[in-house]
Amino acid sequence: MTRPNLRELAQMMRGVVLALGLAADDVERGRYDATERERLAGCLDRVSAALRNDAEQSSHLVIDSRAADR
């Protein structure tokens, strides 16, 4: 997997948060079938891979001094 830029990564994360929130209600009501669960799991896998890939590539520590004194 190629490394997404941080904006793309954030968009992927927001999408998964939204999808999980919507799915939780449907799962609870028994309205989320195996195909939908598999699709959601695939999305979660892709976001997990992107997060891991980004973490591996961002091995250096950056401190924003403007935010550190708050």
C-alpha atoms as a PDB file:
ATOM      1  CA  MET A   1       0.000   0.000   0.000  1.00  0.00           C
ATOM      2  CA  THR A   2       1.290   3.422  -0.864  1.00  0.00           C
ATOM      3  CA  ARG A   3       1.373   5.990   1.887  1.00  0.00           C
ATOM      4  CA  PRO A   4      -1.640   8.312   1.791  1.00  0.00           C
ATOM      5  CA  ASN A   5      -1.091  11.941   2.615  1.00  0.00           C
ATOM      6  CA  LEU A   6      -2.315  13.067   6.017  1.00  0.00           C
ATOM      7  CA  ARG A   7      -5.463  14.659   4.632  1.00  0.00           C
ATOM      8  CA  GLU A   8      -6.444  11.434   2.865  1.00  0.00           C
ATOM      9  CA  LEU A   9      -5.678   9.479   6.022  1.00  0.00           C
ATOM     10  CA  ALA A  10      -7.883  11.785   8.085  1.00  0.00           C
ATOM     11  CA  GLN A  11     -10.700  11.479   5.537  1.00  0.00           C
ATOM     12  CA  MET A  12     -10.445   7.693   5.662  1.00  0.00           C
ATOM     13  CA  MET A  13     -10.594   7.789   9.450  1.00  0.00           C
ATOM     14  CA  ARG A  14     -13.648  10.079   9.446  1.00  0.00           C
ATOM     15  CA  GLY A  15     -15.382   7.787   6.971  1.00  0.00           C
ATOM     16  CA  VAL A  16     -14.793   4.775   9.175  1.00  0.00           C
ATOM     17  CA  VAL A  17     -16.045   6.607  12.269  1.00  0.00           C
ATOM     18  CA  LEU A  18     -19.243   7.493  10.422  1.00  0.00           C
ATOM     19  CA  ALA A  19     -19.660   3.996   8.972  1.00  0.00           C
ATOM     20  CA  LEU A  20     -19.159   2.382  12.382  1.00  0.00           C
ATOM     21  CA  GLY A  21     -21.666   4.701  13.995  1.00  0.00           C
ATOM     22  CA  LEU A  22     -24.311   3.907  11.399  1.00  0.00           C
ATOM     23  CA  ALA A  23     -23.525   0.189  11.418  1.00  0.00           C
ATOM     24  CA  ALA A  24     -23.750  -0.089  15.200  1.00  0.00           C
ATOM     25  CA  ASP A  25     -27.457   0.774  15.161  1.00  0.00           C
ATOM     26  CA  ASP A  26     -28.144  -1.599  12.278  1.00  0.00           C
ATOM     27  CA  VAL A  27     -26.209  -4.453  13.898  1.00  0.00           C
ATOM     28  CA  GLU A  28     -28.133  -3.988  17.126  1.00  0.00           C
ATOM     29  CA  ARG A  29     -31.432  -4.197  15.228  1.00  0.00           C
ATOM     30  CA  GLY A  30     -30.336  -7.256  13.237  1.00  0.00           C
ATOM     31  CA  ARG A  31     -30.344  -5.290   9.977  1.00  0.00           C
ATOM     32  CA  TYR A  32     -26.699  -5.668   9.005  1.00  0.00           C
ATOM     33  CA  ASP A  33     -26.056  -8.783   6.944  1.00  0.00           C
ATOM     34  CA  ALA A  34     -22.835 -10.711   6.347  1.00  0.00           C
ATOM     35  CA  THR A  35     -22.101  -8.877   3.089  1.00  0.00           C
ATOM     36  CA  GLU A  36     -22.341  -5.495   4.789  1.00  0.00           C
ATOM     37  CA  ARG A  37     -20.173  -6.690   7.697  1.00  0.00           C
ATOM     38  CA  GLU A  38     -17.553  -7.963   5.250  1.00  0.00           C
ATOM     39  CA  ARG A  39     -17.573  -4.636   3.379  1.00  0.00           C
ATOM     40  CA  LEU A  40     -17.142  -2.699   6.633  1.00  0.00           C
ATOM     41  CA  ALA A  41     -14.368  -5.053   7.743  1.00  0.00           C
ATOM     42  CA  GLY A  42     -12.562  -4.393   4.448  1.00  0.00           C
ATOM     43  CA  CYS A  43     -12.783  -0.644   5.032  1.00  0.00           C
ATOM     44  CA  LEU A  44     -11.432  -1.094   8.553  1.00  0.00           C
ATOM     45  CA  ASP A  45      -8.586  -3.232   7.197  1.00  0.00           C
ATOM     46  CA  ARG A  46      -7.624  -0.530   4.684  1.00  0.00           C
ATOM     47  CA  VAL A  47      -7.664   2.215   7.314  1.00  0.00           C
ATOM     48  CA  SER A  48      -5.661   0.033   9.707  1.00  0.00           C
ATOM     49  CA  ALA A  49      -3.079  -0.641   7.005  1.00  0.00           C
ATOM     50  CA  ALA A  50      -2.863   3.071   6.165  1.00  0.00           C
ATOM     51  CA  LEU A  51      -2.418   3.959   9.851  1.00  0.00           C
ATOM     52  CA  ARG A  52       0.303   1.350  10.284  1.00  0.00           C
ATOM     53  CA  ASN A  53       2.049   2.410   7.086  1.00  0.00           C
ATOM     54  CA  ASP A  54       1.971   6.060   8.135  1.00  0.00           C
ATOM     55  CA  ALA A  55       3.285   5.180  11.606  1.00  0.00           C
ATOM     56  CA  GLU A  56       6.175   3.209  10.097  1.00  0.00           C
ATOM     57  CA  GLN A  57       7.101   6.081   7.801  1.00  0.00           C
ATOM     58  CA  SER A  58       6.771   8.718  10.542  1.00  0.00           C
ATOM     59  CA  SER A  59       9.345   7.379  12.928  1.00  0.00           C
ATOM     60  CA  HIS A  60      10.712  10.771  13.948  1.00  0.00           C
ATOM     61  CA  LEU A  61       9.274  12.920  16.726  1.00  0.00           C
ATOM     62  CA  VAL A  62       7.999  16.385  15.903  1.00  0.00           C
ATOM     63  CA  ILE A  63       7.003  18.795  18.653  1.00  0.00           C
ATOM     64  CA  ASP A  64       5.078  21.925  17.814  1.00  0.00           C
ATOM     65  CA  SER A  65       6.463  24.411  20.335  1.00  0.00           C
ATOM     66  CA  ARG A  66       3.492  26.728  19.785  1.00  0.00           C
ATOM     67  CA  ALA A  67       1.173  24.075  21.216  1.00  0.00           C
ATOM     68  CA  ALA A  68       3.537  22.705  23.869  1.00  0.00           C
ATOM     69  CA  ASP A  69       3.176  25.643  26.266  1.00  0.00           C
ATOM     70  CA  ARG A  70      -0.636  25.585  26.437  1.00  0.00           C
END
